[in-house]
All heavy atoms as atom14 arrays in JSON, in Angstrom:
{
  "sequence": "EQLSHAIFPLGHSTKAEVREEAARRGLTVADKPDSHDICFIADGDTRG",
  "atom14_mask": [
    [1, 1, 1, 1, 1, 1, 1, 1, 1, 0, 0, 0, 0, 0],
    [1, 1, 1, 1, 1, 1, 1, 1, 1, 0, 0, 0, 0, 0],
    [1, 1, 1, 1, 1, 1, 1, 1, 0, 0, 0, 0, 0, 0],
    [1, 1, 1, 1, 1, 1, 0, 0, 0, 0, 0, 0, 0, 0],
    [1, 1, 1, 1, 1, 1, 1, 1, 1, 1, 0, 0, 0, 0],
    [1, 1, 1, 1, 1, 0, 0, 0, 0, 0, 0, 0, 0, 0],
    [1, 1, 1, 1, 1, 1, 1, 1, 0, 0, 0, 0, 0, 0],
    [1, 1, 1, 1, 1, 1, 1, 1, 1, 1, 1, 0, 0, 0],
    [1, 1, 1, 1, 1, 1, 1, 0, 0, 0, 0, 0, 0, 0],
    [1, 1, 1, 1, 1, 1, 1, 1, 0, 0, 0, 0, 0, 0],
    [1, 1, 1, 1, 0, 0, 0, 0, 0, 0, 0, 0, 0, 0],
    [1, 1, 1, 1, 1, 1, 1, 1, 1, 1, 0, 0, 0, 0],
    [1, 1, 1, 1, 1, 1, 0, 0, 0, 0, 0, 0, 0, 0],
    [1, 1, 1, 1, 1, 1, 1, 0, 0, 0, 0, 0, 0, 0],
    [1, 1, 1, 1, 1, 1, 1, 1, 1, 0, 0, 0, 0, 0],
    [1, 1, 1, 1, 1, 0, 0, 0, 0, 0, 0, 0, 0, 0],
    [1, 1, 1, 1, 1, 1, 1, 1, 1, 0, 0, 0, 0, 0],
    [1, 1, 1, 1, 1, 1, 1, 0, 0, 0, 0, 0, 0, 0],
    [1, 1, 1, 1, 1, 1, 1, 1, 1, 1, 1, 0, 0, 0],
    [1, 1, 1, 1, 1, 1, 1, 1, 1, 0, 0, 0, 0, 0],
    [1, 1, 1, 1, 1, 1, 1, 1, 1, 0, 0, 0, 0, 0],
    [1, 1, 1, 1, 1, 0, 0, 0, 0, 0, 0, 0, 0, 0],
    [1, 1, 1, 1, 1, 0, 0, 0, 0, 0, 0, 0, 0, 0],
    [1, 1, 1, 1, 1, 1, 1, 1, 1, 1, 1, 0, 0, 0],
    [1, 1, 1, 1, 1, 1, 1, 1, 1, 1, 1, 0, 0, 0],
    [1, 1, 1, 1, 0, 0, 0, 0, 0, 0, 0, 0, 0, 0],
    [1, 1, 1, 1, 1, 1, 1, 1, 0, 0, 0, 0, 0, 0],
    [1, 1, 1, 1, 1, 1, 1, 0, 0, 0, 0, 0, 0, 0],
    [1, 1, 1, 1, 1, 1, 1, 0, 0, 0, 0, 0, 0, 0],
    [1, 1, 1, 1, 1, 0, 0, 0, 0, 0, 0, 0, 0, 0],
    [1, 1, 1, 1, 1, 1, 1, 1, 0, 0, 0, 0, 0, 0],
    [1, 1, 1, 1, 1, 1, 1, 1, 1, 0, 0, 0, 0, 0],
    [1, 1, 1, 1, 1, 1, 1, 0, 0, 0, 0, 0, 0, 0],
    [1, 1, 1, 1, 1, 1, 1, 1, 0, 0, 0, 0, 0, 0],
    [1, 1, 1, 1, 1, 1, 0, 0, 0, 0, 0, 0, 0, 0],
    [1, 1, 1, 1, 1, 1, 1, 1, 1, 1, 0, 0, 0, 0],
    [1, 1, 1, 1, 1, 1, 1, 1, 0, 0, 0, 0, 0, 0],
    [1, 1, 1, 1, 1, 1, 1, 1, 0, 0, 0, 0, 0, 0],
    [1, 1, 1, 1, 1, 1, 0, 0, 0, 0, 0, 0, 0, 0],
    [1, 1, 1, 1, 1, 1, 1, 1, 1, 1, 1, 0, 0, 0],
    [1, 1, 1, 1, 1, 1, 1, 1, 0, 0, 0, 0, 0, 0],
    [1, 1, 1, 1, 1, 0, 0, 0, 0, 0, 0, 0, 0, 0],
    [1, 1, 1, 1, 1, 1, 1, 1, 0, 0, 0, 0, 0, 0],
    [1, 1, 1, 1, 0, 0, 0, 0, 0, 0, 0, 0, 0, 0],
    [1, 1, 1, 1, 1, 1, 1, 1, 0, 0, 0, 0, 0, 0],
    [1, 1, 1, 1, 1, 1, 1, 0, 0, 0, 0, 0, 0, 0],
    [1, 1, 1, 1, 1, 1, 1, 1, 1, 1, 1, 0, 0, 0],
    [1, 1, 1, 1, 0, 0, 0, 0, 0, 0, 0, 0, 0, 0]
  ],
  "atom14_positions": [
    [[12.1, -52.01, -130.58], [12.25, -53.41, -130.97], [12.12, -53.57, -132.48], [12.9, -54.3, -133.11], [11.21, -54.27, -130.25], [11.21, -55.74, -130.65], [12.49, -56.47, -130.29], [13.27, -55.98, -129.46], [12.72, -57.56, -130.87], [0.0, 0.0, 0.0], [0.0, 0.0, 0.0], [0.0, 0.0, 0.0], [0.0, 0.0, 0.0], [0.0, 0.0, 0.0]],
    [[11.14, -52.9, -133.08], [10.96, -52.98, -134.53], [12.15, -52.36, -135.26], [12.64, -52.9, -136.25], [9.66, -52.3, -134.93], [8.42, -53.07, -134.5], [7.14, -52.28, -134.66], [7.13, -51.05, -134.55], [6.04, -52.97, -134.93], [0.0, 0.0, 0.0], [0.0, 0.0, 0.0], [0.0, 0.0, 0.0], [0.0, 0.0, 0.0], [0.0, 0.0, 0.0]],
    [[12.62, -51.21, -134.79], [13.77, -50.56, -135.42], [15.04, -51.41, -135.31], [15.9, -51.35, -136.18], [14.0, -49.19, -134.79], [12.95, -48.11, -135.13], [13.19, -46.86, -134.3], [12.98, -47.79, -136.62], [0.0, 0.0, 0.0], [0.0, 0.0, 0.0], [0.0, 0.0, 0.0], [0.0, 0.0, 0.0], [0.0, 0.0, 0.0], [0.0, 0.0, 0.0]],
    [[15.12, -52.2, -134.24], [16.32, -53.04, -134.07], [16.4, -54.14, -135.12], [17.46, -54.74, -135.32], [16.34, -53.65, -132.67], [15.35, -54.67, -132.53], [0.0, 0.0, 0.0], [0.0, 0.0, 0.0], [0.0, 0.0, 0.0], [0.0, 0.0, 0.0], [0.0, 0.0, 0.0], [0.0, 0.0, 0.0], [0.0, 0.0, 0.0], [0.0, 0.0, 0.0]],
    [[15.28, -54.43, -135.8], [15.26, -55.45, -136.85], [14.98, -54.84, -138.23], [14.54, -55.55, -139.14], [14.19, -56.5, -136.54], [14.49, -57.33, -135.33], [15.46, -58.31, -135.31], [13.95, -57.3, -134.08], [15.49, -58.87, -134.11], [14.59, -58.27, -133.35], [0.0, 0.0, 0.0], [0.0, 0.0, 0.0], [0.0, 0.0, 0.0], [0.0, 0.0, 0.0]],
    [[15.22, -53.54, -138.37], [14.97, -52.86, -139.64], [16.28, -52.39, -140.27], [17.27, -52.14, -139.58], [14.05, -51.66, -139.42], [0.0, 0.0, 0.0], [0.0, 0.0, 0.0], [0.0, 0.0, 0.0], [0.0, 0.0, 0.0], [0.0, 0.0, 0.0], [0.0, 0.0, 0.0], [0.0, 0.0, 0.0], [0.0, 0.0, 0.0], [0.0, 0.0, 0.0]],
    [[16.27, -52.31, -141.6], [17.41, -51.76, -142.35], [16.84, -50.79, -143.4], [15.96, -51.17, -144.18], [18.23, -52.86, -143.05], [18.75, -53.89, -142.05], [19.41, -52.24, -143.82], [19.47, -55.06, -142.7], [0.0, 0.0, 0.0], [0.0, 0.0, 0.0], [0.0, 0.0, 0.0], [0.0, 0.0, 0.0], [0.0, 0.0, 0.0], [0.0, 0.0, 0.0]],
    [[17.36, -49.56, -143.41], [16.98, -48.56, -144.4], [18.23, -48.13, -145.16], [18.94, -47.21, -144.74], [16.32, -47.35, -143.73], [15.16, -47.68, -142.84], [15.05, -47.13, -141.57], [14.16, -48.54, -143.27], [13.98, -47.43, -140.75], [13.08, -48.86, -142.46], [13.0, -48.31, -141.19], [0.0, 0.0, 0.0], [0.0, 0.0, 0.0], [0.0, 0.0, 0.0]],
    [[18.54, -48.79, -146.28], [19.82, -48.55, -146.96], [19.93, -47.22, -147.7], [21.01, -46.88, -148.18], [19.89, -49.71, -147.97], [18.88, -50.7, -147.52], [17.79, -49.9, -146.88], [0.0, 0.0, 0.0], [0.0, 0.0, 0.0], [0.0, 0.0, 0.0], [0.0, 0.0, 0.0], [0.0, 0.0, 0.0], [0.0, 0.0, 0.0], [0.0, 0.0, 0.0]],
    [[18.83, -46.46, -147.84], [18.85, -45.29, -148.72], [19.01, -43.96, -147.98], [19.01, -42.9, -148.63], [17.57, -45.23, -149.56], [17.21, -46.46, -150.39], [16.0, -46.18, -151.26], [18.39, -46.91, -151.24], [0.0, 0.0, 0.0], [0.0, 0.0, 0.0], [0.0, 0.0, 0.0], [0.0, 0.0, 0.0], [0.0, 0.0, 0.0], [0.0, 0.0, 0.0]],
    [[19.16, -43.98, -146.69], [19.15, -42.74, -145.91], [20.25, -41.75, -146.24], [20.11, -40.56, -145.96], [0.0, 0.0, 0.0], [0.0, 0.0, 0.0], [0.0, 0.0, 0.0], [0.0, 0.0, 0.0], [0.0, 0.0, 0.0], [0.0, 0.0, 0.0], [0.0, 0.0, 0.0], [0.0, 0.0, 0.0], [0.0, 0.0, 0.0], [0.0, 0.0, 0.0]],
    [[21.33, -42.23, -146.83], [22.45, -41.33, -147.16], [22.47, -40.96, -148.64], [23.48, -40.41, -149.12], [23.78, -41.98, -146.76], [23.94, -42.16, -145.28], [24.43, -41.16, -144.45], [23.64, -43.2, -144.47], [24.44, -41.59, -143.21], [23.97, -42.82, -143.19], [0.0, 0.0, 0.0], [0.0, 0.0, 0.0], [0.0, 0.0, 0.0], [0.0, 0.0, 0.0]],
    [[21.4, -41.24, -149.36], [21.35, -40.96, -150.8], [20.15, -40.09, -151.14], [19.09, -40.2, -150.53], [21.23, -42.28, -151.59], [22.33, -43.13, -151.33], [0.0, 0.0, 0.0], [0.0, 0.0, 0.0], [0.0, 0.0, 0.0], [0.0, 0.0, 0.0], [0.0, 0.0, 0.0], [0.0, 0.0, 0.0], [0.0, 0.0, 0.0], [0.0, 0.0, 0.0]],
    [[20.32, -39.23, -152.14], [19.2, -38.48, -152.66], [18.4, -39.34, -153.62], [18.89, -40.37, -154.11], [19.66, -37.22, -153.4], [20.38, -37.61, -154.58], [20.56, -36.35, -152.51], [0.0, 0.0, 0.0], [0.0, 0.0, 0.0], [0.0, 0.0, 0.0], [0.0, 0.0, 0.0], [0.0, 0.0, 0.0], [0.0, 0.0, 0.0], [0.0, 0.0, 0.0]],
    [[17.17, -38.92, -153.92], [16.35, -39.69, -154.86], [17.0, -39.72, -156.24], [16.97, -40.75, -156.93], [14.95, -39.07, -154.94], [13.96, -39.88, -155.78], [13.8, -41.29, -155.22], [12.78, -42.11, -155.98], [11.45, -42.06, -155.4], [0.0, 0.0, 0.0], [0.0, 0.0, 0.0], [0.0, 0.0, 0.0], [0.0, 0.0, 0.0], [0.0, 0.0, 0.0]],
    [[17.62, -38.61, -156.65], [18.31, -38.58, -157.95], [19.44, -39.61, -157.99], [19.63, -40.3, -159.01], [18.85, -37.18, -158.22], [0.0, 0.0, 0.0], [0.0, 0.0, 0.0], [0.0, 0.0, 0.0], [0.0, 0.0, 0.0], [0.0, 0.0, 0.0], [0.0, 0.0, 0.0], [0.0, 0.0, 0.0], [0.0, 0.0, 0.0], [0.0, 0.0, 0.0]],
    [[20.17, -39.73, -156.91], [21.26, -40.71, -156.85], [20.72, -42.13, -156.9], [21.33, -43.02, -157.53], [22.08, -40.5, -155.58], [22.9, -39.22, -155.59], [23.49, -38.88, -154.24], [23.01, -39.42, -153.21], [24.44, -38.06, -154.21], [0.0, 0.0, 0.0], [0.0, 0.0, 0.0], [0.0, 0.0, 0.0], [0.0, 0.0, 0.0], [0.0, 0.0, 0.0]],
    [[19.58, -42.37, -156.26], [18.97, -43.7, -156.29], [18.56, -44.06, -157.72], [18.79, -45.19, -158.18], [17.75, -43.75, -155.34], [16.96, -45.05, -155.54], [18.2, -43.64, -153.89], [0.0, 0.0, 0.0], [0.0, 0.0, 0.0], [0.0, 0.0, 0.0], [0.0, 0.0, 0.0], [0.0, 0.0, 0.0], [0.0, 0.0, 0.0], [0.0, 0.0, 0.0]],
    [[17.95, -43.13, -158.43], [17.55, -43.39, -159.82], [18.77, -43.65, -160.71], [18.74, -44.56, -161.56], [16.72, -42.23, -160.36], [15.33, -42.13, -159.74], [14.43, -41.22, -160.55], [13.1, -41.08, -159.96], [12.13, -41.98, -160.08], [12.33, -43.09, -160.78], [10.95, -41.78, -159.52], [0.0, 0.0, 0.0], [0.0, 0.0, 0.0], [0.0, 0.0, 0.0]],
    [[19.82, -42.88, -160.53], [21.03, -43.09, -161.33], [21.63, -44.47, -161.05], [22.08, -45.16, -161.97], [22.05, -42.0, -161.0], [21.66, -40.61, -161.51], [22.56, -39.52, -160.96], [23.52, -39.86, -160.22], [22.3, -38.34, -161.26], [0.0, 0.0, 0.0], [0.0, 0.0, 0.0], [0.0, 0.0, 0.0], [0.0, 0.0, 0.0], [0.0, 0.0, 0.0]],
    [[21.64, -44.87, -159.78], [22.17, -46.19, -159.43], [21.31, -47.3, -160.03], [21.84, -48.31, -160.52], [22.23, -46.33, -157.92], [22.8, -47.68, -157.47], [22.94, -47.78, -155.97], [23.04, -46.74, -155.29], [22.94, -48.93, -155.46], [0.0, 0.0, 0.0], [0.0, 0.0, 0.0], [0.0, 0.0, 0.0], [0.0, 0.0, 0.0], [0.0, 0.0, 0.0]],
    [[19.99, -47.14, -160.0], [19.1, -48.14, -160.58], [19.39, -48.32, -162.06], [19.4, -49.45, -162.58], [17.64, -47.73, -160.36], [0.0, 0.0, 0.0], [0.0, 0.0, 0.0], [0.0, 0.0, 0.0], [0.0, 0.0, 0.0], [0.0, 0.0, 0.0], [0.0, 0.0, 0.0], [0.0, 0.0, 0.0], [0.0, 0.0, 0.0], [0.0, 0.0, 0.0]],
    [[19.63, -47.22, -162.76], [19.94, -47.3, -164.19], [21.25, -48.04, -164.41], [21.36, -48.88, -165.32], [19.99, -45.9, -164.79], [0.0, 0.0, 0.0], [0.0, 0.0, 0.0], [0.0, 0.0, 0.0], [0.0, 0.0, 0.0], [0.0, 0.0, 0.0], [0.0, 0.0, 0.0], [0.0, 0.0, 0.0], [0.0, 0.0, 0.0], [0.0, 0.0, 0.0]],
    [[22.26, -47.75, -163.6], [23.55, -48.43, -163.73], [23.41, -49.93, -163.47], [24.1, -50.74, -164.09], [24.56, -47.84, -162.74], [25.03, -46.44, -163.06], [26.31, -46.11, -162.3], [26.2, -46.32, -160.86], [25.78, -45.41, -159.99], [25.39, -44.22, -160.45], [25.74, -45.68, -158.71], [0.0, 0.0, 0.0], [0.0, 0.0, 0.0], [0.0, 0.0, 0.0]],
    [[22.53, -50.3, -162.57], [22.34, -51.71, -162.23], [21.45, -52.44, -163.24], [21.25, -53.64, -163.13], [21.73, -51.84, -160.83], [22.65, -51.43, -159.7], [21.97, -51.62, -158.35], [22.8, -51.24, -157.22], [23.7, -52.04, -156.62], [23.88, -53.26, -157.09], [24.4, -51.62, -155.6], [0.0, 0.0, 0.0], [0.0, 0.0, 0.0], [0.0, 0.0, 0.0]],
    [[20.9, -51.71, -164.19], [20.03, -52.34, -165.18], [18.64, -52.64, -164.68], [17.93, -53.5, -165.24], [0.0, 0.0, 0.0], [0.0, 0.0, 0.0], [0.0, 0.0, 0.0], [0.0, 0.0, 0.0], [0.0, 0.0, 0.0], [0.0, 0.0, 0.0], [0.0, 0.0, 0.0], [0.0, 0.0, 0.0], [0.0, 0.0, 0.0], [0.0, 0.0, 0.0]],
    [[18.19, -51.9, -163.66], [16.84, -52.09, -163.11], [15.86, -51.28, -163.94], [16.0, -50.07, -164.08], [16.8, -51.66, -161.65], [17.71, -52.47, -160.7], [17.8, -51.8, -159.34], [17.18, -53.89, -160.55], [0.0, 0.0, 0.0], [0.0, 0.0, 0.0], [0.0, 0.0, 0.0], [0.0, 0.0, 0.0], [0.0, 0.0, 0.0], [0.0, 0.0, 0.0]],
    [[14.85, -51.93, -164.48], [13.92, -51.27, -165.4], [13.04, -50.23, -164.71], [12.36, -49.45, -165.38], [13.03, -52.3, -166.11], [12.3, -53.04, -165.12], [13.85, -53.24, -166.94], [0.0, 0.0, 0.0], [0.0, 0.0, 0.0], [0.0, 0.0, 0.0], [0.0, 0.0, 0.0], [0.0, 0.0, 0.0], [0.0, 0.0, 0.0], [0.0, 0.0, 0.0]],
    [[13.03, -50.22, -163.39], [12.2, -49.26, -162.65], [12.93, -47.94, -162.41], [12.41, -47.07, -161.7], [11.75, -49.85, -161.3], [10.78, -51.0, -161.51], [12.96, -50.29, -160.47], [0.0, 0.0, 0.0], [0.0, 0.0, 0.0], [0.0, 0.0, 0.0], [0.0, 0.0, 0.0], [0.0, 0.0, 0.0], [0.0, 0.0, 0.0], [0.0, 0.0, 0.0]],
    [[14.1, -47.75, -163.01], [14.91, -46.56, -162.76], [14.13, -45.27, -162.98], [14.29, -44.3, -162.24], [16.16, -46.58, -163.62], [0.0, 0.0, 0.0], [0.0, 0.0, 0.0], [0.0, 0.0, 0.0], [0.0, 0.0, 0.0], [0.0, 0.0, 0.0], [0.0, 0.0, 0.0], [0.0, 0.0, 0.0], [0.0, 0.0, 0.0], [0.0, 0.0, 0.0]],
    [[13.29, -45.24, -164.01], [12.53, -44.03, -164.33], [11.06, -44.14, -163.98], [10.25, -43.31, -164.39], [12.67, -43.7, -165.83], [14.11, -43.38, -166.22], [14.78, -42.7, -165.43], [14.55, -43.83, -167.29], [0.0, 0.0, 0.0], [0.0, 0.0, 0.0], [0.0, 0.0, 0.0], [0.0, 0.0, 0.0], [0.0, 0.0, 0.0], [0.0, 0.0, 0.0]],
    [[10.69, -45.16, -163.23], [9.29, -45.35, -162.88], [8.81, -44.22, -161.96], [9.48, -43.89, -160.98], [9.11, -46.69, -162.17], [7.65, -47.05, -161.86], [7.57, -48.46, -161.27], [6.12, -48.84, -160.95], [6.04, -50.23, -160.42], [0.0, 0.0, 0.0], [0.0, 0.0, 0.0], [0.0, 0.0, 0.0], [0.0, 0.0, 0.0], [0.0, 0.0, 0.0]],
    [[7.65, -43.6, -162.25], [7.15, -42.51, -161.39], [6.88, -43.0, -159.97], [6.52, -44.15, -159.75], [5.85, -42.08, -162.08], [5.96, -42.59, -163.47], [6.76, -43.85, -163.39], [0.0, 0.0, 0.0], [0.0, 0.0, 0.0], [0.0, 0.0, 0.0], [0.0, 0.0, 0.0], [0.0, 0.0, 0.0], [0.0, 0.0, 0.0], [0.0, 0.0, 0.0]],
    [[7.06, -42.11, -159.02], [6.72, -42.42, -157.64], [5.21, -42.53, -157.49], [4.46, -41.8, -158.15], [7.21, -41.33, -156.69], [8.73, -41.3, -156.59], [9.35, -42.33, -156.88], [9.27, -40.26, -156.21], [0.0, 0.0, 0.0], [0.0, 0.0, 0.0], [0.0, 0.0, 0.0], [0.0, 0.0, 0.0], [0.0, 0.0, 0.0], [0.0, 0.0, 0.0]],
    [[4.77, -43.44, -156.63], [3.34, -43.46, -156.29], [3.05, -42.28, -155.38], [3.95, -41.75, -154.72], [2.98, -44.78, -155.59], [3.72, -44.9, -154.4], [0.0, 0.0, 0.0], [0.0, 0.0, 0.0], [0.0, 0.0, 0.0], [0.0, 0.0, 0.0], [0.0, 0.0, 0.0], [0.0, 0.0, 0.0], [0.0, 0.0, 0.0], [0.0, 0.0, 0.0]],
    [[1.82, -41.84, -155.35], [1.46, -40.73, -154.49], [-0.01, -40.83, -154.1], [-0.74, -41.67, -154.6], [1.74, -39.38, -155.16], [0.97, -39.14, -156.43], [-0.28, -38.59, -156.44], [1.28, -39.39, -157.73], [-0.71, -38.48, -157.69], [0.22, -38.98, -158.48], [0.0, 0.0, 0.0], [0.0, 0.0, 0.0], [0.0, 0.0, 0.0], [0.0, 0.0, 0.0]],
    [[-0.4, -39.94, -153.21], [-1.75, -39.95, -152.66], [-2.0, -41.26, -151.9], [-1.06, -41.88, -151.4], [-2.79, -39.73, -153.76], [-2.67, -38.35, -154.4], [-2.37, -37.39, -153.67], [-2.86, -38.24, -155.62], [0.0, 0.0, 0.0], [0.0, 0.0, 0.0], [0.0, 0.0, 0.0], [0.0, 0.0, 0.0], [0.0, 0.0, 0.0], [0.0, 0.0, 0.0]],
    [[-3.23, -41.69, -151.83], [-3.6, -42.85, -151.03], [-3.73, -44.05, -151.95], [-4.55, -44.05, -152.87], [-4.91, -42.58, -150.27], [-4.72, -41.37, -149.36], [-5.33, -43.8, -149.46], [-6.02, -40.85, -148.76], [0.0, 0.0, 0.0], [0.0, 0.0, 0.0], [0.0, 0.0, 0.0], [0.0, 0.0, 0.0], [0.0, 0.0, 0.0], [0.0, 0.0, 0.0]],
    [[-2.96, -45.09, -151.72], [-2.84, -46.17, -152.69], [-4.17, -46.87, -152.96], [-4.4, -47.37, -154.06], [-1.78, -47.18, -152.25], [-2.23, -48.19, -150.82], [0.0, 0.0, 0.0], [0.0, 0.0, 0.0], [0.0, 0.0, 0.0], [0.0, 0.0, 0.0], [0.0, 0.0, 0.0], [0.0, 0.0, 0.0], [0.0, 0.0, 0.0], [0.0, 0.0, 0.0]],
    [[-5.05, -46.93, -151.96], [-6.3, -47.66, -152.17], [-7.43, -46.77, -152.69], [-8.56, -47.2, -152.8], [-6.74, -48.39, -150.89], [-6.79, -47.54, -149.66], [-7.92, -46.79, -149.35], [-5.71, -47.49, -148.79], [-7.97, -46.01, -148.21], [-5.75, -46.71, -147.63], [-6.89, -45.97, -147.35], [0.0, 0.0, 0.0], [0.0, 0.0, 0.0], [0.0, 0.0, 0.0]],
    [[-7.1, -45.51, -152.99], [-8.07, -44.61, -153.65], [-7.44, -44.2, -154.97], [-6.78, -43.16, -155.08], [-8.4, -43.39, -152.78], [-8.9, -43.85, -151.4], [-9.46, -42.52, -153.46], [-9.24, -42.72, -150.45], [0.0, 0.0, 0.0], [0.0, 0.0, 0.0], [0.0, 0.0, 0.0], [0.0, 0.0, 0.0], [0.0, 0.0, 0.0], [0.0, 0.0, 0.0]],
    [[-7.62, -45.04, -155.98], [-6.88, -44.9, -157.23], [-7.16, -43.59, -157.95], [-6.27, -43.03, -158.59], [-7.21, -46.08, -158.16], [0.0, 0.0, 0.0], [0.0, 0.0, 0.0], [0.0, 0.0, 0.0], [0.0, 0.0, 0.0], [0.0, 0.0, 0.0], [0.0, 0.0, 0.0], [0.0, 0.0, 0.0], [0.0, 0.0, 0.0], [0.0, 0.0, 0.0]],
    [[-8.38, -43.08, -157.87], [-8.72, -41.86, -158.61], [-8.47, -40.6, -157.78], [-8.69, -39.48, -158.26], [-10.17, -41.88, -159.08], [-11.18, -41.99, -157.93], [-10.75, -41.99, -156.75], [-12.39, -42.07, -158.22], [0.0, 0.0, 0.0], [0.0, 0.0, 0.0], [0.0, 0.0, 0.0], [0.0, 0.0, 0.0], [0.0, 0.0, 0.0], [0.0, 0.0, 0.0]],
    [[-8.0, -40.73, -156.55], [-7.69, -39.58, -155.72], [-8.9, -38.91, -155.1], [-8.76, -37.9, -154.41], [0.0, 0.0, 0.0], [0.0, 0.0, 0.0], [0.0, 0.0, 0.0], [0.0, 0.0, 0.0], [0.0, 0.0, 0.0], [0.0, 0.0, 0.0], [0.0, 0.0, 0.0], [0.0, 0.0, 0.0], [0.0, 0.0, 0.0], [0.0, 0.0, 0.0]],
    [[-10.09, -39.45, -155.29], [-11.32, -38.84, -154.78], [-11.62, -39.38, -153.39], [-12.44, -40.29, -153.22], [-12.47, -39.11, -155.74], [-13.79, -38.45, -155.3], [-13.75, -37.65, -154.34], [-14.83, -38.76, -155.9], [0.0, 0.0, 0.0], [0.0, 0.0, 0.0], [0.0, 0.0, 0.0], [0.0, 0.0, 0.0], [0.0, 0.0, 0.0], [0.0, 0.0, 0.0]],
    [[-10.96, -38.81, -152.38], [-11.15, -39.28, -151.01], [-12.58, -39.08, -150.53], [-13.16, -39.96, -149.88], [-10.18, -38.55, -150.05], [-8.84, -38.8, -150.48], [-10.35, -39.05, -148.63], [0.0, 0.0, 0.0], [0.0, 0.0, 0.0], [0.0, 0.0, 0.0], [0.0, 0.0, 0.0], [0.0, 0.0, 0.0], [0.0, 0.0, 0.0], [0.0, 0.0, 0.0]],
    [[-13.16, -37.93, -150.85], [-14.53, -37.65, -150.42], [-15.5, -38.67, -151.01], [-16.38, -39.19, -150.32], [-14.93, -36.24, -150.82], [-16.34, -35.87, -150.37], [-16.69, -34.43, -150.72], [-15.93, -33.48, -149.93], [-16.1, -32.15, -150.0], [-16.98, -31.64, -150.85], [-15.39, -31.34, -149.23], [0.0, 0.0, 0.0], [0.0, 0.0, 0.0], [0.0, 0.0, 0.0]],
    [[-15.34, -38.99, -152.29], [-16.21, -39.97, -152.93], [-16.01, -41.36, -152.34], [-16.98, -42.11, -152.16], [0.0, 0.0, 0.0], [0.0, 0.0, 0.0], [0.0, 0.0, 0.0], [0.0, 0.0, 0.0], [0.0, 0.0, 0.0], [0.0, 0.0, 0.0], [0.0, 0.0, 0.0], [0.0, 0.0, 0.0], [0.0, 0.0, 0.0], [0.0, 0.0, 0.0]]
  ]
}
């Protein structure tokens, strides 16, 4: 049911192609680094 109301437009593109398209569209996030690790643990110290 959830998938029937979802759209994932990037499945046929590589990440490099997405960044190139963002630059062509004038999106300032074209070169923005990907987030990683756990978003609510900013320093990456899960044990702490």
